[in-house]
Amino acid sequence: MAEQPRVNPSEYVTVEIYDQLYHLSGQDPEHIRELAARVDAKMRAVAAQGHTADSLRVAVLAALNLADELSQAAAADPRLGHARAVTLRGLLDEVLDERKSAS
């Protein structure tokens, strides 16, 4: 896999998702904030409906819900779905890398 270029720490955006802070980078900080808010809202909705307090399970169920929404969007306009998948995949990779570093 190709190595990602390093980003200046001043280019990071700090967001809060499900009561956890994440430092993410990207070309459009406002878009990152909007995505983080959407993920946070989805996780809270899943948690409110479920019987688990395990944040990892909540995250996986939220990811499945978002993947379903993405799949439906891709069926309507494949180019839109692909672009959204690339953006979400990049953010997910950053969050997972940060989680590994914190462990």
PDB file of N, CA and C in Angstrom:
ATOM      1  N   MET A   1       0.845  -1.169   0.000  1.00  0.00           N
ATOM      2  CA  MET A   1       0.000   0.000   0.000  1.00  0.00           C
ATOM      3  C   MET A   1       0.892   1.235   0.000  1.00  0.00           C
ATOM      4  N   ALA A   2       0.540   2.247  -0.775  1.00  0.00           N
ATOM      5  CA  ALA A   2       1.329   3.475  -0.873  1.00  0.00           C
ATOM      6  C   ALA A   2       1.283   4.241   0.439  1.00  0.00           C
ATOM      7  N   GLU A   3       2.413   4.819   0.790  1.00  0.00           N
ATOM      8  CA  GLU A   3       2.484   5.578   2.038  1.00  0.00           C
ATOM      9  C   GLU A   3       1.795   6.922   1.854  1.00  0.00           C
ATOM     10  N   GLN A   4       0.986   7.293   2.841  1.00  0.00           N
ATOM     11  CA  GLN A   4       0.276   8.565   2.818  1.00  0.00           C
ATOM     12  C   GLN A   4       1.246   9.693   3.143  1.00  0.00           C
ATOM     13  N   PRO A   5       1.141  10.841   2.470  1.00  0.00           N
ATOM     14  CA  PRO A   5       2.007  11.966   2.802  1.00  0.00           C
ATOM     15  C   PRO A   5       1.679  12.499   4.191  1.00  0.00           C
ATOM     16  N   ARG A   6       2.702  12.967   4.876  1.00  0.00           N
ATOM     17  CA  ARG A   6       2.512  13.536   6.208  1.00  0.00           C
ATOM     18  C   ARG A   6       1.810  14.881   6.100  1.00  0.00           C
ATOM     19  N   VAL A   7       0.942  15.144   7.062  1.00  0.00           N
ATOM     20  CA  VAL A   7       0.194  16.390   7.086  1.00  0.00           C
ATOM     21  C   VAL A   7       0.685  17.223   8.249  1.00  0.00           C
ATOM     22  N   ASN A   8       0.812  18.506   8.035  1.00  0.00           N
ATOM     23  CA  ASN A   8       1.195  19.428   9.086  1.00  0.00           C
ATOM     24  C   ASN A   8       0.153  19.361  10.199  1.00  0.00           C
ATOM     25  N   PRO A   9       0.567  19.194  11.486  1.00  0.00           N
ATOM     26  CA  PRO A   9      -0.411  19.099  12.577  1.00  0.00           C
ATOM     27  C   PRO A   9      -1.367  20.279  12.642  1.00  0.00           C
ATOM     28  N   SER A  10      -0.962  21.446  12.158  1.00  0.00           N
ATOM     29  CA  SER A  10      -1.866  22.592  12.183  1.00  0.00           C
ATOM     30  C   SER A  10      -3.026  22.415  11.212  1.00  0.00           C
ATOM     31  N   GLU A  11      -2.926  21.456  10.293  1.00  0.00           N
ATOM     32  CA  GLU A  11      -3.988  21.177   9.340  1.00  0.00           C
ATOM     33  C   GLU A  11      -5.001  20.166   9.869  1.00  0.00           C
ATOM     34  N   TYR A  12      -4.795  19.680  11.074  1.00  0.00           N
ATOM     35  CA  TYR A  12      -5.713  18.720  11.663  1.00  0.00           C
ATOM     36  C   TYR A  12      -6.976  19.421  12.168  1.00  0.00           C
ATOM     37  N   VAL A  13      -8.074  18.699  12.124  1.00  0.00           N
ATOM     38  CA  VAL A  13      -9.348  19.172  12.650  1.00  0.00           C
ATOM     39  C   VAL A  13      -9.691  18.259  13.815  1.00  0.00           C
ATOM     40  N   THR A  14     -10.018  18.827  14.944  1.00  0.00           N
ATOM     41  CA  THR A  14     -10.426  18.030  16.090  1.00  0.00           C
ATOM     42  C   THR A  14     -11.943  17.947  16.098  1.00  0.00           C
ATOM     43  N   VAL A  15     -12.437  16.715  16.133  1.00  0.00           N
ATOM     44  CA  VAL A  15     -13.881  16.478  16.162  1.00  0.00           C
ATOM     45  C   VAL A  15     -14.188  15.546  17.329  1.00  0.00           C
ATOM     46  N   GLU A  16     -15.428  15.574  17.745  1.00  0.00           N
ATOM     47  CA  GLU A  16     -15.874  14.675  18.804  1.00  0.00           C
ATOM     48  C   GLU A  16     -16.924  13.742  18.227  1.00  0.00           C
ATOM     49  N   ILE A  17     -16.658  12.454  18.373  1.00  0.00           N
ATOM     50  CA  ILE A  17     -17.585  11.427  17.915  1.00  0.00           C
ATOM     51  C   ILE A  17     -17.837  10.482  19.075  1.00  0.00           C
ATOM     52  N   TYR A  18     -19.088  10.432  19.494  1.00  0.00           N
ATOM     53  CA  TYR A  18     -19.506   9.528  20.570  1.00  0.00           C
ATOM     54  C   TYR A  18     -18.626   9.710  21.811  1.00  0.00           C
ATOM     55  N   ASP A  19     -18.463  10.977  22.186  1.00  0.00           N
ATOM     56  CA  ASP A  19     -17.730  11.392  23.382  1.00  0.00           C
ATOM     57  C   ASP A  19     -16.228  11.111  23.337  1.00  0.00           C
ATOM     58  N   GLN A  20     -15.684  10.913  22.147  1.00  0.00           N
ATOM     59  CA  GLN A  20     -14.242  10.723  21.976  1.00  0.00           C
ATOM     60  C   GLN A  20     -13.728  11.786  21.015  1.00  0.00           C
ATOM     61  N   LEU A  21     -12.553  12.348  21.325  1.00  0.00           N
ATOM     62  CA  LEU A  21     -11.947  13.326  20.441  1.00  0.00           C
ATOM     63  C   LEU A  21     -11.054  12.632  19.423  1.00  0.00           C
ATOM     64  N   TYR A  22     -11.128  13.099  18.178  1.00  0.00           N
ATOM     65  CA  TYR A  22     -10.299  12.573  17.099  1.00  0.00           C
ATOM     66  C   TYR A  22      -9.667  13.747  16.366  1.00  0.00           C
ATOM     67  N   HIS A  23      -8.416  13.582  15.983  1.00  0.00           N
ATOM     68  CA  HIS A  23      -7.689  14.593  15.231  1.00  0.00           C
ATOM     69  C   HIS A  23      -7.545  14.067  13.812  1.00  0.00           C
ATOM     70  N   LEU A  24      -8.294  14.669  12.902  1.00  0.00           N
ATOM     71  CA  LEU A  24      -8.355  14.200  11.523  1.00  0.00           C
ATOM     72  C   LEU A  24      -7.779  15.260  10.598  1.00  0.00           C
ATOM     73  N   SER A  25      -7.344  14.828   9.431  1.00  0.00           N
ATOM     74  CA  SER A  25      -6.839  15.777   8.447  1.00  0.00           C
ATOM     75  C   SER A  25      -7.563  15.564   7.136  1.00  0.00           C
ATOM     76  N   GLY A  26      -7.583  16.606   6.347  1.00  0.00           N
ATOM     77  CA  GLY A  26      -8.223  16.522   5.045  1.00  0.00           C
ATOM     78  C   GLY A  26      -8.204  17.872   4.370  1.00  0.00           C
ATOM     79  N   GLN A  27      -8.662  17.888   3.142  1.00  0.00           N
ATOM     80  CA  GLN A  27      -8.623  19.116   2.361  1.00  0.00           C
ATOM     81  C   GLN A  27      -9.716  20.103   2.754  1.00  0.00           C
ATOM     82  N   ASP A  28     -10.810  19.608   3.329  1.00  0.00           N
ATOM     83  CA  ASP A  28     -11.947  20.472   3.642  1.00  0.00           C
ATOM     84  C   ASP A  28     -12.374  20.258   5.094  1.00  0.00           C
ATOM     85  N   PRO A  29     -11.846  21.075   6.023  1.00  0.00           N
ATOM     86  CA  PRO A  29     -12.160  20.897   7.444  1.00  0.00           C
ATOM     87  C   PRO A  29     -13.661  20.928   7.748  1.00  0.00           C
ATOM     88  N   GLU A  30     -14.404  21.789   7.076  1.00  0.00           N
ATOM     89  CA  GLU A  30     -15.846  21.854   7.338  1.00  0.00           C
ATOM     90  C   GLU A  30     -16.532  20.561   6.925  1.00  0.00           C
ATOM     91  N   HIS A  31     -16.100  19.969   5.835  1.00  0.00           N
ATOM     92  CA  HIS A  31     -16.667  18.692   5.391  1.00  0.00           C
ATOM     93  C   HIS A  31     -16.358  17.596   6.413  1.00  0.00           C
ATOM     94  N   ILE A  32     -15.156  17.615   6.944  1.00  0.00           N
ATOM     95  CA  ILE A  32     -14.778  16.638   7.972  1.00  0.00           C
ATOM     96  C   ILE A  32     -15.674  16.799   9.196  1.00  0.00           C
ATOM     97  N   ARG A  33     -15.914  18.041   9.603  1.00  0.00           N
ATOM     98  CA  ARG A  33     -16.801  18.287  10.754  1.00  0.00           C
ATOM     99  C   ARG A  33     -18.218  17.767  10.482  1.00  0.00           C
ATOM    100  N   GLU A  34     -18.699  17.992   9.258  1.00  0.00           N
ATOM    101  CA  GLU A  34     -20.039  17.509   8.899  1.00  0.00           C
ATOM    102  C   GLU A  34     -20.109  15.985   8.924  1.00  0.00           C
ATOM    103  N   LEU A  35     -19.081  15.327   8.394  1.00  0.00           N
ATOM    104  CA  LEU A  35     -19.051  13.865   8.420  1.00  0.00           C
ATOM    105  C   LEU A  35     -18.989  13.342   9.851  1.00  0.00           C
ATOM    106  N   ALA A  36     -18.166  13.976  10.666  1.00  0.00           N
ATOM    107  CA  ALA A  36     -18.048  13.555  12.070  1.00  0.00           C
ATOM    108  C   ALA A  36     -19.386  13.716  12.786  1.00  0.00           C
ATOM    109  N   ALA A  37     -20.079  14.808  12.520  1.00  0.00           N
ATOM    110  CA  ALA A  37     -21.395  15.021  13.137  1.00  0.00           C
ATOM    111  C   ALA A  37     -22.378  13.953  12.693  1.00  0.00           C
ATOM    112  N   ARG A  38     -22.286  13.558  11.440  1.00  0.00           N
ATOM    113  CA  ARG A  38     -23.184  12.516  10.922  1.00  0.00           C
ATOM    114  C   ARG A  38     -22.883  11.165  11.577  1.00  0.00           C
ATOM    115  N   VAL A  39     -21.608  10.847  11.705  1.00  0.00           N
ATOM    116  CA  VAL A  39     -21.218   9.588  12.356  1.00  0.00           C
ATOM    117  C   VAL A  39     -21.653   9.608  13.820  1.00  0.00           C
ATOM    118  N   ASP A  40     -21.425  10.729  14.497  1.00  0.00           N
ATOM    119  CA  ASP A  40     -21.822  10.854  15.900  1.00  0.00           C
ATOM    120  C   ASP A  40     -23.335  10.652  16.043  1.00  0.00           C
ATOM    121  N   ALA A  41     -24.105  11.306  15.192  1.00  0.00           N
ATOM    122  CA  ALA A  41     -25.559  11.173  15.258  1.00  0.00           C
ATOM    123  C   ALA A  41     -25.998   9.733  14.998  1.00  0.00           C
ATOM    124  N   LYS A  42     -25.355   9.089  14.031  1.00  0.00           N
ATOM    125  CA  LYS A  42     -25.716   7.705  13.715  1.00  0.00           C
ATOM    126  C   LYS A  42     -25.385   6.784  14.884  1.00  0.00           C
ATOM    127  N   MET A  43     -24.217   6.990  15.505  1.00  0.00           N
ATOM    128  CA  MET A  43     -23.838   6.151  16.643  1.00  0.00           C
ATOM    129  C   MET A  43     -24.806   6.353  17.809  1.00  0.00           C
ATOM    130  N   ARG A  44     -25.193   7.590  18.058  1.00  0.00           N
ATOM    131  CA  ARG A  44     -26.139   7.855  19.153  1.00  0.00           C
ATOM    132  C   ARG A  44     -27.513   7.251  18.860  1.00  0.00           C
ATOM    133  N   ALA A  45     -27.937   7.283  17.614  1.00  0.00           N
ATOM    134  CA  ALA A  45     -29.219   6.676  17.245  1.00  0.00           C
ATOM    135  C   ALA A  45     -29.169   5.165  17.431  1.00  0.00           C
ATOM    136  N   VAL A  46     -28.063   4.550  17.020  1.00  0.00           N
ATOM    137  CA  VAL A  46     -27.905   3.100  17.193  1.00  0.00           C
ATOM    138  C   VAL A  46     -27.887   2.754  18.679  1.00  0.00           C
ATOM    139  N   ALA A  47     -27.153   3.517  19.468  1.00  0.00           N
ATOM    140  CA  ALA A  47     -27.056   3.248  20.906  1.00  0.00           C
ATOM    141  C   ALA A  47     -28.415   3.399  21.586  1.00  0.00           C
ATOM    142  N   ALA A  48     -29.197   4.368  21.150  1.00  0.00           N
ATOM    143  CA  ALA A  48     -30.509   4.596  21.750  1.00  0.00           C
ATOM    144  C   ALA A  48     -31.470   3.440  21.463  1.00  0.00           C
ATOM    145  N   GLN A  49     -31.272   2.760  20.338  1.00  0.00           N
ATOM    146  CA  GLN A  49     -32.151   1.655  19.959  1.00  0.00           C
ATOM    147  C   GLN A  49     -31.660   0.311  20.481  1.00  0.00           C
ATOM    148  N   GLY A  50     -30.380   0.237  20.818  1.00  0.00           N
ATOM    149  CA  GLY A  50     -29.784  -1.046  21.167  1.00  0.00           C
ATOM    150  C   GLY A  50     -29.736  -1.311  22.651  1.00  0.00           C
ATOM    151  N   HIS A  51     -29.152  -2.448  22.946  1.00  0.00           N
ATOM    152  CA  HIS A  51     -29.028  -2.878  24.332  1.00  0.00           C
ATOM    153  C   HIS A  51     -27.568  -2.992  24.745  1.00  0.00           C
ATOM    154  N   THR A  52     -26.690  -2.314  24.035  1.00  0.00           N
ATOM    155  CA  THR A  52     -25.274  -2.427  24.340  1.00  0.00           C
ATOM    156  C   THR A  52     -24.681  -1.048  24.600  1.00  0.00           C
ATOM    157  N   ALA A  53     -23.746  -1.005  25.537  1.00  0.00           N
ATOM    158  CA  ALA A  53     -23.020   0.237  25.815  1.00  0.00           C
ATOM    159  C   ALA A  53     -21.612   0.157  25.235  1.00  0.00           C
ATOM    160  N   ASP A  54     -21.288  -0.985  24.626  1.00  0.00           N
ATOM    161  CA  ASP A  54     -19.966  -1.191  24.048  1.00  0.00           C
ATOM    162  C   ASP A  54     -19.796  -0.294  22.826  1.00  0.00           C
ATOM    163  N   SER A  55     -18.904   0.670  22.917  1.00  0.00           N
ATOM    164  CA  SER A  55     -18.753   1.640  21.830  1.00  0.00           C
ATOM    165  C   SER A  55     -18.287   0.996  20.529  1.00  0.00           C
ATOM    166  N   LEU A  56     -17.513  -0.075  20.601  1.00  0.00           N
ATOM    167  CA  LEU A  56     -17.083  -0.744  19.375  1.00  0.00           C
ATOM    168  C   LEU A  56     -18.278  -1.359  18.648  1.00  0.00           C
ATOM    169  N   ARG A  57     -19.157  -2.012  19.384  1.00  0.00           N
ATOM    170  CA  ARG A  57     -20.355  -2.588  18.762  1.00  0.00           C
ATOM    171  C   ARG A  57     -21.255  -1.494  18.185  1.00  0.00           C
ATOM    172  N   VAL A  58     -21.390  -0.406  18.920  1.00  0.00           N
ATOM    173  CA  VAL A  58     -22.186   0.720  18.429  1.00  0.00           C
ATOM    174  C   VAL A  58     -21.570   1.250  17.138  1.00  0.00           C
ATOM    175  N   ALA A  59     -20.242   1.362  17.100  1.00  0.00           N
ATOM    176  CA  ALA A  59     -19.554   1.869  15.915  1.00  0.00           C
ATOM    177  C   ALA A  59     -19.765   0.946  14.716  1.00  0.00           C
ATOM    178  N   VAL A  60     -19.688  -0.351  14.940  1.00  0.00           N
ATOM    179  CA  VAL A  60     -19.878  -1.311  13.843  1.00  0.00           C
ATOM    180  C   VAL A  60     -21.308  -1.240  13.321  1.00  0.00           C
ATOM    181  N   LEU A  61     -22.276  -1.176  14.216  1.00  0.00           N
ATOM    182  CA  LEU A  61     -23.666  -1.082  13.771  1.00  0.00           C
ATOM    183  C   LEU A  61     -23.930   0.235  13.044  1.00  0.00           C
ATOM    184  N   ALA A  62     -23.339   1.314  13.522  1.00  0.00           N
ATOM    185  CA  ALA A  62     -23.470   2.606  12.832  1.00  0.00           C
ATOM    186  C   ALA A  62     -22.820   2.530  11.459  1.00  0.00           C
ATOM    187  N   ALA A  63     -21.657   1.883  11.382  1.00  0.00           N
ATOM    188  CA  ALA A  63     -20.974   1.726  10.095  1.00  0.00           C
ATOM    189  C   ALA A  63     -21.832   0.923   9.123  1.00  0.00           C
ATOM    190  N   LEU A  64     -22.493  -0.103   9.597  1.00  0.00           N
ATOM    191  CA  LEU A  64     -23.382  -0.885   8.732  1.00  0.00           C
ATOM    192  C   LEU A  64     -24.543  -0.039   8.220  1.00  0.00           C
ATOM    193  N   ASN A  65     -25.099   0.792   9.103  1.00  0.00           N
ATOM    194  CA  ASN A  65     -26.177   1.689   8.681  1.00  0.00           C
ATOM    195  C   ASN A  65     -25.689   2.676   7.632  1.00  0.00           C
ATOM    196  N   LEU A  66     -24.517   3.263   7.853  1.00  0.00           N
ATOM    197  CA  LEU A  66     -23.956   4.211   6.896  1.00  0.00           C
ATOM    198  C   LEU A  66     -23.606   3.516   5.579  1.00  0.00           C
ATOM    199  N   ALA A  67     -23.101   2.282   5.668  1.00  0.00           N
ATOM    200  CA  ALA A  67     -22.791   1.525   4.450  1.00  0.00           C
ATOM    201  C   ALA A  67     -24.059   1.252   3.648  1.00  0.00           C
ATOM    202  N   ASP A  68     -25.148   0.972   4.349  1.00  0.00           N
ATOM    203  CA  ASP A  68     -26.423   0.755   3.662  1.00  0.00           C
ATOM    204  C   ASP A  68     -26.872   2.034   2.958  1.00  0.00           C
ATOM    205  N   GLU A  69     -26.751   3.176   3.642  1.00  0.00           N
ATOM    206  CA  GLU A  69     -27.100   4.451   3.015  1.00  0.00           C
ATOM    207  C   GLU A  69     -26.210   4.715   1.794  1.00  0.00           C
ATOM    208  N   LEU A  70     -24.938   4.411   1.933  1.00  0.00           N
ATOM    209  CA  LEU A  70     -23.993   4.599   0.842  1.00  0.00           C
ATOM    210  C   LEU A  70     -24.347   3.695  -0.341  1.00  0.00           C
ATOM    211  N   SER A  71     -24.709   2.472  -0.053  1.00  0.00           N
ATOM    212  CA  SER A  71     -25.092   1.529  -1.096  1.00  0.00           C
ATOM    213  C   SER A  71     -26.316   2.028  -1.857  1.00  0.00           C
ATOM    214  N   GLN A  72     -27.272   2.558  -1.135  1.00  0.00           N
ATOM    215  CA  GLN A  72     -28.473   3.095  -1.781  1.00  0.00           C
ATOM    216  C   GLN A  72     -28.133   4.321  -2.628  1.00  0.00           C
ATOM    217  N   ALA A  73     -27.234   5.174  -2.127  1.00  0.00           N
ATOM    218  CA  ALA A  73     -26.819   6.357  -2.888  1.00  0.00           C
ATOM    219  C   ALA A  73     -26.053   5.942  -4.139  1.00  0.00           C
ATOM    220  N   ALA A  74     -25.216   4.921  -4.014  1.00  0.00           N
ATOM    221  CA  ALA A  74     -24.435   4.446  -5.156  1.00  0.00           C
ATOM    222  C   ALA A  74     -25.341   3.874  -6.235  1.00  0.00           C
ATOM    223  N   ALA A  75     -26.411   3.238  -5.824  1.00  0.00           N
ATOM    224  CA  ALA A  75     -27.351   2.692  -6.802  1.00  0.00           C
ATOM    225  C   ALA A  75     -28.021   3.816  -7.585  1.00  0.00           C
ATOM    226  N   ALA A  76     -28.254   4.945  -6.924  1.00  0.00           N
ATOM    227  CA  ALA A  76     -28.891   6.078  -7.586  1.00  0.00           C
ATOM    228  C   ALA A  76     -27.906   6.805  -8.503  1.00  0.00           C
ATOM    229  N   ASP A  77     -26.660   6.980  -8.045  1.00  0.00           N
ATOM    230  CA  ASP A  77     -25.632   7.683  -8.829  1.00  0.00           C
ATOM    231  C   ASP A  77     -24.278   7.084  -8.450  1.00  0.00           C
ATOM    232  N   PRO A  78     -23.771   6.126  -9.237  1.00  0.00           N
ATOM    233  CA  PRO A  78     -22.527   5.431  -8.886  1.00  0.00           C
ATOM    234  C   PRO A  78     -21.339   6.352  -8.638  1.00  0.00           C
ATOM    235  N   ARG A  79     -21.230   7.466  -9.358  1.00  0.00           N
ATOM    236  CA  ARG A  79     -20.094   8.375  -9.153  1.00  0.00           C
ATOM    237  C   ARG A  79     -20.151   9.008  -7.776  1.00  0.00           C
ATOM    238  N   LEU A  80     -21.348   9.396  -7.340  1.00  0.00           N
ATOM    239  CA  LEU A  80     -21.524   9.995  -6.029  1.00  0.00           C
ATOM    240  C   LEU A  80     -21.189   8.974  -4.940  1.00  0.00           C
ATOM    241  N   GLY A  81     -21.663   7.772  -5.104  1.00  0.00           N
ATOM    242  CA  GLY A  81     -21.405   6.727  -4.115  1.00  0.00           C
ATOM    243  C   GLY A  81     -19.928   6.424  -3.984  1.00  0.00           C
ATOM    244  N   HIS A  82     -19.208   6.368  -5.103  1.00  0.00           N
ATOM    245  CA  HIS A  82     -17.776   6.079  -5.065  1.00  0.00           C
ATOM    246  C   HIS A  82     -17.010   7.201  -4.368  1.00  0.00           C
ATOM    247  N   ALA A  83     -17.312   8.430  -4.689  1.00  0.00           N
ATOM    248  CA  ALA A  83     -16.620   9.564  -4.066  1.00  0.00           C
ATOM    249  C   ALA A  83     -16.856   9.579  -2.558  1.00  0.00           C
ATOM    250  N   ARG A  84     -18.075   9.301  -2.162  1.00  0.00           N
ATOM    251  CA  ARG A  84     -18.396   9.277  -0.729  1.00  0.00           C
ATOM    252  C   ARG A  84     -17.675   8.118  -0.036  1.00  0.00           C
ATOM    253  N   ALA A  85     -17.598   6.987  -0.693  1.00  0.00           N
ATOM    254  CA  ALA A  85     -16.906   5.835  -0.115  1.00  0.00           C
ATOM    255  C   ALA A  85     -15.432   6.139   0.100  1.00  0.00           C
ATOM    256  N   VAL A  86     -14.805   6.803  -0.848  1.00  0.00           N
ATOM    257  CA  VAL A  86     -13.386   7.159  -0.713  1.00  0.00           C
ATOM    258  C   VAL A  86     -13.182   8.075   0.476  1.00  0.00           C
ATOM    259  N   THR A  87     -14.023   9.081   0.624  1.00  0.00           N
ATOM    260  CA  THR A  87     -13.915  10.015   1.747  1.00  0.00           C
ATOM    261  C   THR A  87     -14.102   9.298   3.079  1.00  0.00           C
ATOM    262  N   LEU A  88     -15.141   8.491   3.183  1.00  0.00           N
ATOM    263  CA  LEU A  88     -15.415   7.791   4.437  1.00  0.00           C
ATOM    264  C   LEU A  88     -14.325   6.770   4.760  1.00  0.00           C
ATOM    265  N   ARG A  89     -13.803   6.094   3.739  1.00  0.00           N
ATOM    266  CA  ARG A  89     -12.737   5.124   3.970  1.00  0.00           C
ATOM    267  C   ARG A  89     -11.500   5.817   4.534  1.00  0.00           C
ATOM    268  N   GLY A  90     -11.148   6.965   3.999  1.00  0.00           N
ATOM    269  CA  GLY A  90      -9.990   7.707   4.499  1.00  0.00           C
ATOM    270  C   GLY A  90     -10.159   8.123   5.943  1.00  0.00           C
ATOM    271  N   LEU A  91     -11.335   8.619   6.289  1.00  0.00           N
ATOM    272  CA  LEU A  91     -11.581   9.017   7.673  1.00  0.00           C
ATOM    273  C   LEU A  91     -11.586   7.814   8.605  1.00  0.00           C
ATOM    274  N   LEU A  92     -12.162   6.712   8.167  1.00  0.00           N
ATOM    275  CA  LEU A  92     -12.178   5.502   8.989  1.00  0.00           C
ATOM    276  C   LEU A  92     -10.763   4.996   9.234  1.00  0.00           C
ATOM    277  N   ASP A  93      -9.917   5.021   8.196  1.00  0.00           N
ATOM    278  CA  ASP A  93      -8.522   4.607   8.364  1.00  0.00           C
ATOM    279  C   ASP A  93      -7.821   5.462   9.413  1.00  0.00           C
ATOM    280  N   GLU A  94      -8.052   6.768   9.393  1.00  0.00           N
ATOM    281  CA  GLU A  94      -7.420   7.654  10.375  1.00  0.00           C
ATOM    282  C   GLU A  94      -7.886   7.347  11.784  1.00  0.00           C
ATOM    283  N   VAL A  95      -9.185   7.125  11.954  1.00  0.00           N
ATOM    284  CA  VAL A  95      -9.726   6.829  13.280  1.00  0.00           C
ATOM    285  C   VAL A  95      -9.170   5.508  13.799  1.00  0.00           C
ATOM    286  N   LEU A  96      -9.108   4.496  12.935  1.00  0.00           N
ATOM    287  CA  LEU A  96      -8.588   3.198  13.361  1.00  0.00           C
ATOM    288  C   LEU A  96      -7.102   3.282  13.690  1.00  0.00           C
ATOM    289  N   ASP A  97      -6.333   4.044  12.909  1.00  0.00           N
ATOM    290  CA  ASP A  97      -4.912   4.229  13.208  1.00  0.00           C
ATOM    291  C   ASP A  97      -4.736   4.927  14.546  1.00  0.00           C
ATOM    292  N   GLU A  98      -5.560   5.941  14.810  1.00  0.00           N
ATOM    293  CA  GLU A  98      -5.477   6.651  16.078  1.00  0.00           C
ATOM    294  C   GLU A  98      -5.839   5.729  17.237  1.00  0.00           C
ATOM    295  N   ARG A  99      -6.838   4.886  17.040  1.00  0.00           N
ATOM    296  CA  ARG A  99      -7.254   3.942  18.091  1.00  0.00           C
ATOM    297  C   ARG A  99      -6.138   2.944  18.396  1.00  0.00           C
ATOM    298  N   LYS A 100      -5.439   2.448  17.343  1.00  0.00           N
ATOM    299  CA  LYS A 100      -4.332   1.525  17.542  1.00  0.00           C
ATOM    300  C   LYS A 100      -3.200   2.199  18.322  1.00  0.00           C
ATOM    301  N   SER A 101      -2.933   3.448  18.006  1.00  0.00           N
ATOM    302  CA  SER A 101      -1.863   4.180  18.681  1.00  0.00           C
ATOM    303  C   SER A 101      -2.175   4.410  20.151  1.00  0.00           C
ATOM    304  N   ALA A 102      -3.468   4.578  20.463  1.00  0.00           N
ATOM    305  CA  ALA A 102      -3.882   4.829  21.842  1.00  0.00           C
ATOM    306  C   ALA A 102      -3.845   3.556  22.694  1.00  0.00           C
ATOM    307  N   SER A 103      -3.880   2.404  22.042  1.00  0.00           N
ATOM    308  CA  SER A 103      -3.917   1.125  22.786  1.00  0.00           C
ATOM    309  C   SER A 103      -2.590   0.777  23.390  1.00  0.00           C
TER     310      SER A 103
END
